[in-house]
Amino acid sequence: MRVIITGAASGIGRAVAELLVAESSAHQMLLTDRDGEGLAVVAAAVGASAGTCVADLSSPDCGDVIVAAALAHMGGVDAVVSNAGIIASAPLVEQTTELFDRIYAINTRATWLLAKAAHPHLAASRGAFVATASMSATQPTPGLGFYSSSKAALLMLVRQLSLEWGPDGIRCNTVSPGPTYTPMTQAGYADADRRAAREAMIPLRKLGMAEDVANTIRFLLSPQAGHITGIDILVDGGMSNNLMPATGGGTGQAASK
């Protein structure tokens, strides 16, 4: 399988690359990120199957640049993992138009640009496209108004792709991580009490790890998901089911018989 992975220098993107190379040395990858040094580290760990492309996903030509690099390295594209994203925290009333444009450019627009550039090659291979969204796409998140809304737009964008590209044999899906420990989020979990409080709100009582999301992405890329398109898979440890317990709703668990 010939795969493009964005945001591959760390976190979920790196985990996907490592999972694929562990699965089969026959997989080829084009790893892309704005962090050239981190990208080189991952590429060295993955091995000769991985090519790299340092790219700015806020640029209007990012899709063409990345797909051209993929074709030069692999000769075609069977799958795309649009995983790169950024986050910024502040109330909406304090945000700026510049930040709005940047977050939407990277979290939403780049996925469309990459998909558009990859379309003829994915159609030729009857391939798969997977984007990383977030449970914040469906749950308003304090301080993350731009992030949440950009991910909500991403969900609908990929559903639209699945509808339009289904006749071309291209499957398009998303994964939505809940609280997940990655380099982007680790600072927020450095305080042990804060981490414990967050884990207490998750039915499985633990943060997700990058590998949990990577395994779900791998499934959506695989033949086992060959009749699945236009869906979003939550990888949140059940946290999205915890609204009523968090607000004190209900009377607790029924007594066992």
C-alpha atoms as a PDB file:
ATOM      1  CA  MET A   1       0.000   0.000   0.000  1.00  0.00           C
ATOM      2  CA  ARG A   2       1.269   3.468  -0.936  1.00  0.00           C
ATOM      3  CA  VAL A   3       0.227   5.936   1.759  1.00  0.00           C
ATOM      4  CA  ILE A   4       0.505   9.687   2.338  1.00  0.00           C
ATOM      5  CA  ILE A   5       0.528  10.640   6.039  1.00  0.00           C
ATOM      6  CA  THR A   6       0.392  14.266   7.155  1.00  0.00           C
ATOM      7  CA  GLY A   7       1.404  15.376  10.631  1.00  0.00           C
ATOM      8  CA  ALA A   8       3.807  12.438  10.619  1.00  0.00           C
ATOM      9  CA  ALA A   9       6.594  13.903  12.756  1.00  0.00           C
ATOM     10  CA  SER A  10       4.915  12.951  16.032  1.00  0.00           C
ATOM     11  CA  GLY A  11       1.786  11.719  17.739  1.00  0.00           C
ATOM     12  CA  ILE A  12      -0.915   9.966  15.756  1.00  0.00           C
ATOM     13  CA  GLY A  13       0.788  10.428  12.383  1.00  0.00           C
ATOM     14  CA  ARG A  14       3.997   8.843  13.631  1.00  0.00           C
ATOM     15  CA  ALA A  15       2.022   6.008  15.234  1.00  0.00           C
ATOM     16  CA  VAL A  16       0.304   5.268  11.910  1.00  0.00           C
ATOM     17  CA  ALA A  17       3.657   5.124  10.102  1.00  0.00           C
ATOM     18  CA  GLU A  18       5.173   2.823  12.710  1.00  0.00           C
ATOM     19  CA  LEU A  19       2.115   0.575  12.690  1.00  0.00           C
ATOM     20  CA  LEU A  20       2.210   0.209   8.910  1.00  0.00           C
ATOM     21  CA  VAL A  21       5.915  -0.611   8.735  1.00  0.00           C
ATOM     22  CA  ALA A  22       5.522  -3.143  11.555  1.00  0.00           C
ATOM     23  CA  GLU A  23       2.674  -4.749   9.637  1.00  0.00           C
ATOM     24  CA  SER A  24       4.512  -5.086   6.325  1.00  0.00           C
ATOM     25  CA  SER A  25       7.773  -3.944   4.817  1.00  0.00           C
ATOM     26  CA  ALA A  26       5.925  -3.784   1.488  1.00  0.00           C
ATOM     27  CA  HIS A  27       4.067  -0.629   2.529  1.00  0.00           C
ATOM     28  CA  GLN A  28       5.458   2.589   1.077  1.00  0.00           C
ATOM     29  CA  MET A  29       4.892   5.956   2.729  1.00  0.00           C
ATOM     30  CA  LEU A  30       5.285   9.637   2.023  1.00  0.00           C
ATOM     31  CA  LEU A  31       5.566  11.313   5.418  1.00  0.00           C
ATOM     32  CA  THR A  32       4.894  15.027   5.610  1.00  0.00           C
ATOM     33  CA  ASP A  33       5.052  17.637   8.348  1.00  0.00           C
ATOM     34  CA  ARG A  34       6.256  21.197   8.885  1.00  0.00           C
ATOM     35  CA  ASP A  35       8.787  19.868  11.443  1.00  0.00           C
ATOM     36  CA  GLY A  36      11.651  18.731   9.238  1.00  0.00           C
ATOM     37  CA  GLU A  37      13.835  17.510  12.090  1.00  0.00           C
ATOM     38  CA  GLY A  38      11.076  15.440  13.657  1.00  0.00           C
ATOM     39  CA  LEU A  39      10.150  14.091  10.238  1.00  0.00           C
ATOM     40  CA  ALA A  40      13.723  12.921   9.651  1.00  0.00           C
ATOM     41  CA  VAL A  41      13.702  11.058  12.971  1.00  0.00           C
ATOM     42  CA  VAL A  42      10.491   9.229  12.100  1.00  0.00           C
ATOM     43  CA  ALA A  43      11.670   8.430   8.574  1.00  0.00           C
ATOM     44  CA  ALA A  44      14.893   6.941   9.954  1.00  0.00           C
ATOM     45  CA  ALA A  45      12.876   4.797  12.357  1.00  0.00           C
ATOM     46  CA  VAL A  46      10.492   3.636   9.643  1.00  0.00           C
ATOM     47  CA  GLY A  47      13.235   2.835   7.132  1.00  0.00           C
ATOM     48  CA  ALA A  48      13.750   2.957   3.409  1.00  0.00           C
ATOM     49  CA  SER A  49      10.038   2.630   2.602  1.00  0.00           C
ATOM     50  CA  ALA A  50       9.446   6.182   3.836  1.00  0.00           C
ATOM     51  CA  GLY A  51      10.005   9.323   1.831  1.00  0.00           C
ATOM     52  CA  THR A  52       9.585  12.767   3.370  1.00  0.00           C
ATOM     53  CA  CYS A  53       8.138  16.103   2.347  1.00  0.00           C
ATOM     54  CA  VAL A  54       8.421  19.175   4.554  1.00  0.00           C
ATOM     55  CA  ALA A  55       5.260  21.142   3.826  1.00  0.00           C
ATOM     56  CA  ASP A  56       3.235  24.039   5.191  1.00  0.00           C
ATOM     57  CA  LEU A  57      -0.377  22.910   5.252  1.00  0.00           C
ATOM     58  CA  SER A  58      -1.580  26.488   5.548  1.00  0.00           C
ATOM     59  CA  SER A  59      -0.330  27.080   1.992  1.00  0.00           C
ATOM     60  CA  PRO A  60      -2.860  26.971  -0.871  1.00  0.00           C
ATOM     61  CA  ASP A  61      -0.544  24.729  -2.895  1.00  0.00           C
ATOM     62  CA  CYS A  62       0.090  22.170  -0.140  1.00  0.00           C
ATOM     63  CA  GLY A  63      -2.001  19.458  -1.784  1.00  0.00           C
ATOM     64  CA  ASP A  64      -0.234  19.686  -5.117  1.00  0.00           C
ATOM     65  CA  VAL A  65       3.203  19.786  -3.456  1.00  0.00           C
ATOM     66  CA  ILE A  66       2.543  16.744  -1.282  1.00  0.00           C
ATOM     67  CA  VAL A  67       0.948  14.618  -3.986  1.00  0.00           C
ATOM     68  CA  ALA A  68       3.762  15.443  -6.428  1.00  0.00           C
ATOM     69  CA  ALA A  69       6.274  14.291  -3.820  1.00  0.00           C
ATOM     70  CA  ALA A  70       4.255  11.114  -3.252  1.00  0.00           C
ATOM     71  CA  LEU A  71       4.178  10.294  -6.953  1.00  0.00           C
ATOM     72  CA  ALA A  72       7.925  10.878  -7.223  1.00  0.00           C
ATOM     73  CA  HIS A  73       8.567   8.563  -4.277  1.00  0.00           C
ATOM     74  CA  MET A  74       5.932   5.855  -4.775  1.00  0.00           C
ATOM     75  CA  GLY A  75       4.583   6.175  -8.313  1.00  0.00           C
ATOM     76  CA  GLY A  76       0.983   6.297  -7.126  1.00  0.00           C
ATOM     77  CA  VAL A  77      -1.305   6.685  -4.115  1.00  0.00           C
ATOM     78  CA  ASP A  78      -3.475   4.012  -2.514  1.00  0.00           C
ATOM     79  CA  ALA A  79      -4.370   5.832   0.691  1.00  0.00           C
ATOM     80  CA  VAL A  80      -4.182   9.228   2.350  1.00  0.00           C
ATOM     81  CA  VAL A  81      -4.164   9.923   6.089  1.00  0.00           C
ATOM     82  CA  SER A  82      -4.926  13.636   6.552  1.00  0.00           C
ATOM     83  CA  ASN A  83      -3.899  13.897  10.163  1.00  0.00           C
ATOM     84  CA  ALA A  84      -2.133  17.240  10.687  1.00  0.00           C
ATOM     85  CA  GLY A  85      -3.873  19.818  12.834  1.00  0.00           C
ATOM     86  CA  ILE A  86      -3.290  22.711  15.204  1.00  0.00           C
ATOM     87  CA  ILE A  87      -5.018  23.921  18.344  1.00  0.00           C
ATOM     88  CA  ALA A  88      -5.262  27.261  20.143  1.00  0.00           C
ATOM     89  CA  SER A  89      -7.129  28.041  23.332  1.00  0.00           C
ATOM     90  CA  ALA A  90      -8.960  31.277  24.137  1.00  0.00           C
ATOM     91  CA  PRO A  91     -12.566  32.473  24.351  1.00  0.00           C
ATOM     92  CA  LEU A  92     -14.055  33.364  20.974  1.00  0.00           C
ATOM     93  CA  VAL A  93     -14.393  37.012  21.963  1.00  0.00           C
ATOM     94  CA  GLU A  94     -10.603  37.196  22.341  1.00  0.00           C
ATOM     95  CA  GLN A  95      -9.673  35.415  19.106  1.00  0.00           C
ATOM     96  CA  THR A  96      -8.479  37.079  15.907  1.00  0.00           C
ATOM     97  CA  THR A  97      -9.333  36.741  12.245  1.00  0.00           C
ATOM     98  CA  GLU A  98      -5.718  35.778  11.547  1.00  0.00           C
ATOM     99  CA  LEU A  99      -5.937  32.816  13.907  1.00  0.00           C
ATOM    100  CA  PHE A 100      -9.339  31.832  12.524  1.00  0.00           C
ATOM    101  CA  ASP A 101      -7.917  31.716   9.009  1.00  0.00           C
ATOM    102  CA  ARG A 102      -4.850  29.723  10.081  1.00  0.00           C
ATOM    103  CA  ILE A 103      -6.765  27.107  12.072  1.00  0.00           C
ATOM    104  CA  TYR A 104      -9.312  26.563   9.313  1.00  0.00           C
ATOM    105  CA  ALA A 105      -6.585  26.495   6.666  1.00  0.00           C
ATOM    106  CA  ILE A 106      -4.716  23.691   8.409  1.00  0.00           C
ATOM    107  CA  ASN A 107      -7.534  21.765  10.095  1.00  0.00           C
ATOM    108  CA  THR A 108     -10.082  21.905   7.263  1.00  0.00           C
ATOM    109  CA  ARG A 109      -8.913  23.442   3.994  1.00  0.00           C
ATOM    110  CA  ALA A 110      -5.715  21.398   3.769  1.00  0.00           C
ATOM    111  CA  THR A 111      -7.730  18.183   3.847  1.00  0.00           C
ATOM    112  CA  TRP A 112      -9.774  19.349   0.853  1.00  0.00           C
ATOM    113  CA  LEU A 113      -6.665  20.482  -1.031  1.00  0.00           C
ATOM    114  CA  LEU A 114      -4.913  17.186  -0.369  1.00  0.00           C
ATOM    115  CA  ALA A 115      -7.982  15.166  -1.303  1.00  0.00           C
ATOM    116  CA  LYS A 116      -8.484  17.144  -4.490  1.00  0.00           C
ATOM    117  CA  ALA A 117      -4.874  16.674  -5.593  1.00  0.00           C
ATOM    118  CA  ALA A 118      -4.933  12.968  -4.717  1.00  0.00           C
ATOM    119  CA  HIS A 119      -8.335  12.251  -6.293  1.00  0.00           C
ATOM    120  CA  PRO A 120      -7.254  10.917  -9.726  1.00  0.00           C
ATOM    121  CA  HIS A 121      -4.655   8.668  -8.125  1.00  0.00           C
ATOM    122  CA  LEU A 122      -7.034   7.357  -5.463  1.00  0.00           C
ATOM    123  CA  ALA A 123      -9.625   6.735  -8.189  1.00  0.00           C
ATOM    124  CA  ALA A 124      -7.063   4.744 -10.171  1.00  0.00           C
ATOM    125  CA  SER A 125      -6.244   2.586  -7.144  1.00  0.00           C
ATOM    126  CA  ARG A 126      -9.802   2.586  -5.703  1.00  0.00           C
ATOM    127  CA  GLY A 127      -8.183   3.783  -2.526  1.00  0.00           C
ATOM    128  CA  ALA A 128      -9.062   5.163   0.880  1.00  0.00           C
ATOM    129  CA  PHE A 129      -8.963   8.598   2.477  1.00  0.00           C
ATOM    130  CA  VAL A 130      -9.021   9.024   6.272  1.00  0.00           C
ATOM    131  CA  ALA A 131      -8.940  12.334   8.157  1.00  0.00           C
ATOM    132  CA  THR A 132      -8.373  12.894  11.860  1.00  0.00           C
ATOM    133  CA  ALA A 133     -11.207  14.926  13.370  1.00  0.00           C
ATOM    134  CA  SER A 134     -12.006  15.145  17.100  1.00  0.00           C
ATOM    135  CA  MET A 135     -14.807  14.508  19.553  1.00  0.00           C
ATOM    136  CA  SER A 136     -14.738  18.324  19.861  1.00  0.00           C
ATOM    137  CA  ALA A 137     -16.313  18.365  16.397  1.00  0.00           C
ATOM    138  CA  THR A 138     -19.608  17.361  17.994  1.00  0.00           C
ATOM    139  CA  GLN A 139     -19.080  18.593  21.560  1.00  0.00           C
ATOM    140  CA  PRO A 140     -18.528  22.343  22.140  1.00  0.00           C
ATOM    141  CA  THR A 141     -15.283  22.622  24.065  1.00  0.00           C
ATOM    142  CA  PRO A 142     -14.497  25.585  26.355  1.00  0.00           C
ATOM    143  CA  GLY A 143     -11.743  27.735  24.908  1.00  0.00           C
ATOM    144  CA  LEU A 144     -11.516  25.764  21.672  1.00  0.00           C
ATOM    145  CA  GLY A 145     -14.182  27.430  19.557  1.00  0.00           C
ATOM    146  CA  PHE A 146     -12.090  27.683  16.400  1.00  0.00           C
ATOM    147  CA  TYR A 147     -10.675  24.175  16.815  1.00  0.00           C
ATOM    148  CA  SER A 148     -14.072  22.580  17.492  1.00  0.00           C
ATOM    149  CA  SER A 149     -15.821  24.327  14.632  1.00  0.00           C
ATOM    150  CA  SER A 150     -12.969  23.600  12.189  1.00  0.00           C
ATOM    151  CA  LYS A 151     -13.221  19.911  13.057  1.00  0.00           C
ATOM    152  CA  ALA A 152     -17.008  20.004  12.685  1.00  0.00           C
ATOM    153  CA  ALA A 153     -16.513  21.409   9.195  1.00  0.00           C
ATOM    154  CA  LEU A 154     -13.991  18.650   8.541  1.00  0.00           C
ATOM    155  CA  LEU A 155     -16.544  15.962   9.421  1.00  0.00           C
ATOM    156  CA  MET A 156     -19.017  17.283   6.866  1.00  0.00           C
ATOM    157  CA  LEU A 157     -16.308  17.836   4.264  1.00  0.00           C
ATOM    158  CA  VAL A 158     -15.296  14.174   4.435  1.00  0.00           C
ATOM    159  CA  ARG A 159     -18.915  13.009   4.386  1.00  0.00           C
ATOM    160  CA  GLN A 160     -19.370  15.104   1.254  1.00  0.00           C
ATOM    161  CA  LEU A 161     -16.256  13.532  -0.268  1.00  0.00           C
ATOM    162  CA  SER A 162     -17.625  10.078   0.482  1.00  0.00           C
ATOM    163  CA  LEU A 163     -20.864  10.896  -1.333  1.00  0.00           C
ATOM    164  CA  GLU A 164     -19.221  12.422  -4.388  1.00  0.00           C
ATOM    165  CA  TRP A 165     -16.328   9.982  -4.683  1.00  0.00           C
ATOM    166  CA  GLY A 166     -18.113   6.742  -3.862  1.00  0.00           C
ATOM    167  CA  PRO A 167     -18.801   6.111  -7.574  1.00  0.00           C
ATOM    168  CA  ASP A 168     -15.041   6.421  -8.156  1.00  0.00           C
ATOM    169  CA  GLY A 169     -14.424   3.600  -5.684  1.00  0.00           C
ATOM    170  CA  ILE A 170     -12.827   5.894  -3.096  1.00  0.00           C
ATOM    171  CA  ARG A 171     -13.759   5.388   0.558  1.00  0.00           C
ATOM    172  CA  CYS A 172     -13.635   8.513   2.779  1.00  0.00           C
ATOM    173  CA  ASN A 173     -13.943   8.363   6.563  1.00  0.00           C
ATOM    174  CA  THR A 174     -12.870  10.129   9.747  1.00  0.00           C
ATOM    175  CA  VAL A 175     -11.696   9.166  13.209  1.00  0.00           C
ATOM    176  CA  SER A 176     -12.479  11.365  16.208  1.00  0.00           C
ATOM    177  CA  PRO A 177     -10.104  10.984  19.147  1.00  0.00           C
ATOM    178  CA  GLY A 178     -11.202  11.941  22.621  1.00  0.00           C
ATOM    179  CA  PRO A 179      -8.618  12.981  25.217  1.00  0.00           C
ATOM    180  CA  THR A 180      -5.420  11.520  23.794  1.00  0.00           C
ATOM    181  CA  TYR A 181      -1.862  11.756  25.068  1.00  0.00           C
ATOM    182  CA  THR A 182       0.346  13.118  22.291  1.00  0.00           C
ATOM    183  CA  PRO A 183       3.144  15.699  22.085  1.00  0.00           C
ATOM    184  CA  MET A 184       0.493  18.318  21.235  1.00  0.00           C
ATOM    185  CA  THR A 185      -1.490  17.603  24.418  1.00  0.00           C
ATOM    186  CA  GLN A 186       1.100  16.353  26.915  1.00  0.00           C
ATOM    187  CA  ALA A 187       1.635  19.765  28.521  1.00  0.00           C
ATOM    188  CA  GLY A 188      -2.018  19.795  29.504  1.00  0.00           C
ATOM    189  CA  TYR A 189      -1.618  16.480  31.287  1.00  0.00           C
ATOM    190  CA  ALA A 190       1.650  17.262  33.066  1.00  0.00           C
ATOM    191  CA  ASP A 191      -0.250  17.965  36.282  1.00  0.00           C
ATOM    192  CA  ALA A 192      -1.088  14.579  37.835  1.00  0.00           C
ATOM    193  CA  ASP A 193      -4.263  15.816  39.525  1.00  0.00           C
ATOM    194  CA  ARG A 194      -5.589  17.332  36.307  1.00  0.00           C
ATOM    195  CA  ARG A 195      -4.854  14.138  34.403  1.00  0.00           C
ATOM    196  CA  ALA A 196      -6.564  12.026  37.072  1.00  0.00           C
ATOM    197  CA  ALA A 197      -9.626  14.273  36.967  1.00  0.00           C
ATOM    198  CA  ARG A 198      -9.839  13.934  33.200  1.00  0.00           C
ATOM    199  CA  GLU A 199      -9.415  10.154  33.327  1.00  0.00           C
ATOM    200  CA  ALA A 200     -12.167   9.936  35.943  1.00  0.00           C
ATOM    201  CA  MET A 201     -14.566  11.340  33.327  1.00  0.00           C
ATOM    202  CA  ILE A 202     -13.706   8.595  30.829  1.00  0.00           C
ATOM    203  CA  PRO A 203     -15.591   5.314  31.290  1.00  0.00           C
ATOM    204  CA  LEU A 204     -12.439   3.302  30.539  1.00  0.00           C
ATOM    205  CA  ARG A 205     -10.615   5.448  33.117  1.00  0.00           C
ATOM    206  CA  LYS A 206      -7.590   6.181  30.961  1.00  0.00           C
ATOM    207  CA  LEU A 207      -6.410   8.642  28.350  1.00  0.00           C
ATOM    208  CA  GLY A 208      -6.237   7.432  24.803  1.00  0.00           C
ATOM    209  CA  MET A 209      -2.823   6.934  23.253  1.00  0.00           C
ATOM    210  CA  ALA A 210      -1.710   7.711  19.718  1.00  0.00           C
ATOM    211  CA  GLU A 211      -1.599   3.971  19.005  1.00  0.00           C
ATOM    212  CA  ASP A 212      -5.316   3.624  19.797  1.00  0.00           C
ATOM    213  CA  VAL A 213      -6.201   6.098  17.075  1.00  0.00           C
ATOM    214  CA  ALA A 214      -3.598   4.694  14.666  1.00  0.00           C
ATOM    215  CA  ASN A 215      -5.121   1.227  14.930  1.00  0.00           C
ATOM    216  CA  THR A 216      -8.535   2.640  13.995  1.00  0.00           C
ATOM    217  CA  ILE A 217      -7.067   4.495  11.034  1.00  0.00           C
ATOM    218  CA  ARG A 218      -5.336   1.316   9.905  1.00  0.00           C
ATOM    219  CA  PHE A 219      -8.662  -0.525  10.002  1.00  0.00           C
ATOM    220  CA  LEU A 220     -10.330   2.127   7.839  1.00  0.00           C
ATOM    221  CA  LEU A 221      -7.510   1.861   5.299  1.00  0.00           C
ATOM    222  CA  SER A 222      -7.728  -1.922   5.163  1.00  0.00           C
ATOM    223  CA  PRO A 223      -9.786  -4.292   3.002  1.00  0.00           C
ATOM    224  CA  GLN A 224     -11.698  -5.227   6.163  1.00  0.00           C
ATOM    225  CA  ALA A 225     -13.343  -1.788   5.910  1.00  0.00           C
ATOM    226  CA  GLY A 226     -13.979  -2.214   2.200  1.00  0.00           C
ATOM    227  CA  HIS A 227     -17.713  -1.420   2.447  1.00  0.00           C
ATOM    228  CA  ILE A 228     -17.413   1.429   4.947  1.00  0.00           C
ATOM    229  CA  THR A 229     -17.494   5.037   3.805  1.00  0.00           C
ATOM    230  CA  GLY A 230     -18.841   8.347   5.085  1.00  0.00           C
ATOM    231  CA  ILE A 231     -18.598   7.470   8.767  1.00  0.00           C
ATOM    232  CA  ASP A 232     -16.822   8.862  11.809  1.00  0.00           C
ATOM    233  CA  ILE A 233     -15.410   6.507  14.444  1.00  0.00           C
ATOM    234  CA  LEU A 234     -15.078   7.877  17.959  1.00  0.00           C
ATOM    235  CA  VAL A 235     -11.925   6.752  19.759  1.00  0.00           C
ATOM    236  CA  ASP A 236     -12.712   8.346  23.100  1.00  0.00           C
ATOM    237  CA  GLY A 237     -12.851   5.590  25.716  1.00  0.00           C
ATOM    238  CA  GLY A 238     -16.600   6.149  25.946  1.00  0.00           C
ATOM    239  CA  MET A 239     -16.293   9.765  27.098  1.00  0.00           C
ATOM    240  CA  SER A 240     -18.981  10.975  24.679  1.00  0.00           C
ATOM    241  CA  ASN A 241     -21.489   8.837  26.612  1.00  0.00           C
ATOM    242  CA  ASN A 242     -20.747  10.575  29.896  1.00  0.00           C
ATOM    243  CA  LEU A 243     -22.862  13.748  29.640  1.00  0.00           C
ATOM    244  CA  MET A 244     -25.692  12.605  31.898  1.00  0.00           C
ATOM    245  CA  PRO A 245     -23.457  11.038  34.580  1.00  0.00           C
ATOM    246  CA  ALA A 246     -21.312  14.205  34.574  1.00  0.00           C
ATOM    247  CA  THR A 247     -24.367  16.353  35.272  1.00  0.00           C
ATOM    248  CA  GLY A 248     -25.753  14.015  37.914  1.00  0.00           C
ATOM    249  CA  GLY A 249     -28.508  12.665  35.692  1.00  0.00           C
ATOM    250  CA  GLY A 250     -30.069   9.314  36.540  1.00  0.00           C
ATOM    251  CA  THR A 251     -30.116   7.428  39.817  1.00  0.00           C
ATOM    252  CA  GLY A 252     -27.061   5.271  39.336  1.00  0.00           C
ATOM    253  CA  GLN A 253     -26.694   1.711  38.204  1.00  0.00           C
ATOM    254  CA  ALA A 254     -29.561  -0.681  38.665  1.00  0.00           C
ATOM    255  CA  ALA A 255     -29.036  -3.290  41.332  1.00  0.00           C
ATOM    256  CA  SER A 256     -27.863  -6.611  39.988  1.00  0.00           C
ATOM    257  CA  LYS A 257     -30.300  -9.467  40.139  1.00  0.00           C
END
